[in-house]
N, C-alpha and C. Protein backbone atom coordinates (compact mmCIF):
# COMPACT_ATOMS: atom_id res chain seq x y z
N UNK A 1 1.76 14.84 6.08
CA UNK A 1 0.64 15.38 5.36
C UNK A 1 0.15 14.40 4.29
N UNK A 2 1.05 13.67 3.67
CA UNK A 2 0.61 12.76 2.62
C UNK A 2 -0.29 11.66 3.16
N UNK A 3 -0.10 11.29 4.42
CA UNK A 3 -1.00 10.30 5.00
C UNK A 3 -2.42 10.85 5.08
N UNK A 4 -2.55 12.14 5.39
CA UNK A 4 -3.87 12.77 5.44
C UNK A 4 -4.50 12.80 4.05
N UNK A 5 -3.70 13.06 3.03
CA UNK A 5 -4.20 13.05 1.65
C UNK A 5 -4.69 11.66 1.29
N UNK A 6 -3.93 10.65 1.65
CA UNK A 6 -4.33 9.27 1.35
C UNK A 6 -5.62 8.91 2.09
N UNK A 7 -5.74 9.35 3.34
CA UNK A 7 -6.96 9.07 4.10
C UNK A 7 -8.17 9.74 3.45
N UNK A 8 -8.01 10.99 3.04
CA UNK A 8 -9.09 11.70 2.36
C UNK A 8 -9.45 11.01 1.05
N UNK A 9 -8.43 10.64 0.29
CA UNK A 9 -8.66 9.98 -1.00
C UNK A 9 -9.36 8.63 -0.80
N UNK A 10 -9.04 7.93 0.28
CA UNK A 10 -9.67 6.62 0.50
C UNK A 10 -11.17 6.74 0.72
N UNK A 11 -11.60 7.91 1.21
CA UNK A 11 -13.03 8.15 1.43
C UNK A 11 -13.70 8.71 0.18
N UNK A 12 -13.03 9.66 -0.47
CA UNK A 12 -13.65 10.34 -1.61
C UNK A 12 -13.40 9.63 -2.94
N UNK A 13 -12.36 8.82 -3.01
CA UNK A 13 -12.01 8.09 -4.23
C UNK A 13 -11.76 6.61 -3.90
N UNK A 14 -12.76 5.90 -3.39
CA UNK A 14 -12.54 4.52 -2.93
C UNK A 14 -12.05 3.57 -4.02
N UNK A 15 -12.30 3.89 -5.28
CA UNK A 15 -11.86 3.01 -6.38
C UNK A 15 -10.34 2.93 -6.47
N UNK A 16 -9.63 3.86 -5.84
CA UNK A 16 -8.16 3.88 -5.88
C UNK A 16 -7.54 2.92 -4.87
N UNK A 17 -8.36 2.29 -4.04
CA UNK A 17 -7.85 1.46 -2.96
C UNK A 17 -8.46 0.07 -3.01
N UNK A 18 -7.64 -0.92 -2.64
CA UNK A 18 -8.13 -2.29 -2.49
C UNK A 18 -8.16 -2.57 -0.99
N UNK A 19 -9.29 -3.03 -0.54
CA UNK A 19 -9.49 -3.27 0.89
C UNK A 19 -9.70 -4.76 1.16
N UNK A 20 -9.42 -5.13 2.39
CA UNK A 20 -9.63 -6.52 2.81
C UNK A 20 -10.16 -6.52 4.24
N UNK A 21 -11.20 -7.31 4.48
CA UNK A 21 -11.71 -7.48 5.84
C UNK A 21 -10.75 -8.36 6.62
N UNK A 22 -10.42 -7.94 7.84
CA UNK A 22 -9.48 -8.69 8.68
C UNK A 22 -9.91 -8.66 10.13
N UNK A 23 -9.41 -9.63 10.87
CA UNK A 23 -9.53 -9.63 12.33
C UNK A 23 -8.29 -8.90 12.85
N UNK A 24 -8.51 -7.88 13.66
CA UNK A 24 -7.41 -7.11 14.23
C UNK A 24 -7.58 -7.07 15.74
N UNK A 25 -6.48 -7.24 16.45
CA UNK A 25 -6.51 -7.20 17.90
C UNK A 25 -5.20 -6.61 18.40
N UNK A 26 -5.18 -6.20 19.65
CA UNK A 26 -3.96 -5.70 20.27
C UNK A 26 -3.45 -6.79 21.20
N UNK A 27 -2.19 -7.17 21.02
CA UNK A 27 -1.57 -8.21 21.83
C UNK A 27 -1.25 -7.63 23.21
N UNK A 28 -1.81 -8.23 24.25
CA UNK A 28 -1.57 -7.71 25.59
C UNK A 28 -0.81 -8.69 26.48
N UNK A 29 -0.63 -9.92 26.03
CA UNK A 29 0.02 -10.91 26.88
C UNK A 29 1.41 -11.31 26.39
N UNK A 30 1.74 -10.99 25.15
CA UNK A 30 3.00 -11.44 24.58
C UNK A 30 4.22 -10.80 25.22
N UNK A 31 5.28 -11.55 25.31
CA UNK A 31 6.52 -11.05 25.88
C UNK A 31 7.26 -10.15 24.88
N UNK A 32 7.24 -10.53 23.60
CA UNK A 32 7.93 -9.76 22.58
C UNK A 32 7.01 -8.83 21.80
N UNK A 33 5.72 -9.12 21.82
CA UNK A 33 4.80 -8.35 20.99
C UNK A 33 3.79 -7.55 21.81
N UNK A 34 3.99 -7.41 23.08
CA UNK A 34 3.03 -6.71 23.95
C UNK A 34 2.75 -5.30 23.44
N UNK A 35 1.47 -4.99 23.27
CA UNK A 35 1.05 -3.67 22.81
C UNK A 35 1.01 -3.52 21.30
N UNK A 36 1.42 -4.55 20.57
CA UNK A 36 1.41 -4.47 19.11
C UNK A 36 0.03 -4.81 18.56
N UNK A 37 -0.28 -4.19 17.44
CA UNK A 37 -1.51 -4.49 16.72
C UNK A 37 -1.25 -5.70 15.84
N UNK A 38 -2.11 -6.71 15.94
CA UNK A 38 -1.93 -7.95 15.19
C UNK A 38 -3.06 -8.08 14.17
N UNK A 39 -2.69 -8.20 12.90
CA UNK A 39 -3.64 -8.38 11.80
C UNK A 39 -3.62 -9.84 11.39
N UNK A 40 -4.78 -10.48 11.43
CA UNK A 40 -4.88 -11.89 11.04
C UNK A 40 -5.24 -11.98 9.56
N UNK A 41 -4.24 -11.82 8.70
CA UNK A 41 -4.46 -11.84 7.25
C UNK A 41 -4.80 -13.23 6.74
N UNK A 42 -4.35 -14.25 7.46
CA UNK A 42 -4.61 -15.63 7.03
C UNK A 42 -5.83 -16.24 7.72
N UNK A 43 -6.48 -15.47 8.56
CA UNK A 43 -7.68 -15.90 9.29
C UNK A 43 -7.43 -17.15 10.13
N UNK A 44 -6.26 -17.20 10.77
CA UNK A 44 -5.92 -18.35 11.59
C UNK A 44 -6.50 -18.26 12.99
N UNK A 45 -6.89 -17.08 13.45
CA UNK A 45 -7.45 -16.94 14.79
C UNK A 45 -8.88 -17.44 14.85
N UNK A 46 -9.52 -17.57 13.69
CA UNK A 46 -10.88 -18.08 13.64
C UNK A 46 -11.95 -17.08 14.07
N UNK A 47 -11.56 -15.87 14.39
CA UNK A 47 -12.52 -14.85 14.80
C UNK A 47 -13.02 -14.10 13.56
N UNK A 48 -14.22 -13.57 13.63
CA UNK A 48 -14.75 -12.82 12.48
C UNK A 48 -13.98 -11.51 12.27
N UNK A 49 -13.96 -11.06 11.05
CA UNK A 49 -13.30 -9.79 10.72
C UNK A 49 -13.98 -8.67 11.50
N UNK A 50 -13.18 -7.72 11.98
CA UNK A 50 -13.74 -6.60 12.73
C UNK A 50 -13.26 -5.24 12.20
N UNK A 51 -12.55 -5.26 11.07
CA UNK A 51 -12.06 -4.01 10.49
C UNK A 51 -11.80 -4.21 9.00
N UNK A 52 -11.91 -3.13 8.25
CA UNK A 52 -11.58 -3.14 6.82
C UNK A 52 -10.25 -2.42 6.66
N UNK A 53 -9.27 -3.09 6.06
CA UNK A 53 -7.91 -2.56 5.95
C UNK A 53 -7.58 -2.29 4.49
N UNK A 54 -7.02 -1.12 4.21
CA UNK A 54 -6.53 -0.83 2.86
C UNK A 54 -5.23 -1.59 2.67
N UNK A 55 -5.18 -2.46 1.67
CA UNK A 55 -4.00 -3.29 1.46
C UNK A 55 -3.24 -2.93 0.18
N UNK A 56 -3.83 -2.08 -0.65
CA UNK A 56 -3.15 -1.66 -1.88
C UNK A 56 -3.74 -0.33 -2.31
N UNK A 57 -2.92 0.44 -3.02
CA UNK A 57 -3.36 1.76 -3.47
C UNK A 57 -2.83 2.03 -4.87
N UNK A 58 -3.63 2.70 -5.66
CA UNK A 58 -3.20 3.20 -6.96
C UNK A 58 -2.48 4.52 -6.68
N UNK A 59 -1.16 4.45 -6.49
CA UNK A 59 -0.38 5.62 -6.09
C UNK A 59 -0.51 6.76 -7.08
N UNK A 60 -0.41 6.45 -8.36
CA UNK A 60 -0.53 7.51 -9.37
C UNK A 60 -1.92 8.12 -9.34
N UNK A 61 -2.92 7.30 -9.09
CA UNK A 61 -4.28 7.81 -8.98
C UNK A 61 -4.43 8.81 -7.85
N UNK A 62 -3.79 8.54 -6.71
CA UNK A 62 -3.84 9.47 -5.57
C UNK A 62 -3.09 10.76 -5.91
N UNK A 63 -1.94 10.65 -6.57
CA UNK A 63 -1.20 11.84 -6.99
C UNK A 63 -2.04 12.67 -7.96
N UNK A 64 -2.68 12.01 -8.91
CA UNK A 64 -3.54 12.72 -9.86
C UNK A 64 -4.71 13.40 -9.15
N UNK A 65 -5.29 12.71 -8.18
CA UNK A 65 -6.39 13.28 -7.40
C UNK A 65 -5.92 14.52 -6.65
N UNK A 66 -4.77 14.43 -5.99
CA UNK A 66 -4.23 15.58 -5.25
C UNK A 66 -3.96 16.74 -6.19
N UNK A 67 -3.37 16.47 -7.34
CA UNK A 67 -3.09 17.53 -8.32
C UNK A 67 -4.38 18.22 -8.75
N UNK A 68 -5.41 17.42 -8.98
CA UNK A 68 -6.70 17.97 -9.41
C UNK A 68 -7.31 18.84 -8.30
N UNK A 69 -7.25 18.38 -7.07
CA UNK A 69 -7.80 19.15 -5.95
C UNK A 69 -7.04 20.46 -5.77
N UNK A 70 -5.71 20.40 -5.83
CA UNK A 70 -4.90 21.61 -5.65
C UNK A 70 -5.08 22.60 -6.79
N UNK A 71 -5.41 22.09 -7.98
CA UNK A 71 -5.64 22.97 -9.13
C UNK A 71 -7.04 23.59 -9.11
N UNK A 72 -7.84 23.17 -8.13
CA UNK A 72 -9.18 23.74 -8.01
C UNK A 72 -10.23 23.03 -8.83
N UNK A 73 -9.90 21.84 -9.30
CA UNK A 73 -10.87 21.12 -10.13
C UNK A 73 -11.40 19.97 -9.43
């Protein structure tokens, strides 16, 4: 359930999250990594970013947001 709260907070309280554009792909040919999602954080693949990834969160801010929502405010 907390993942759902974080997802909701990321949309309604975007200031609580730090995002980074990244190139993301699914590895389909690798012997050890087949089927894994690969995030190119260092931009070594040379492909343009195709997704925005939350890389940091103000945890206390999300807890405060949840408390406020549950209290009806």
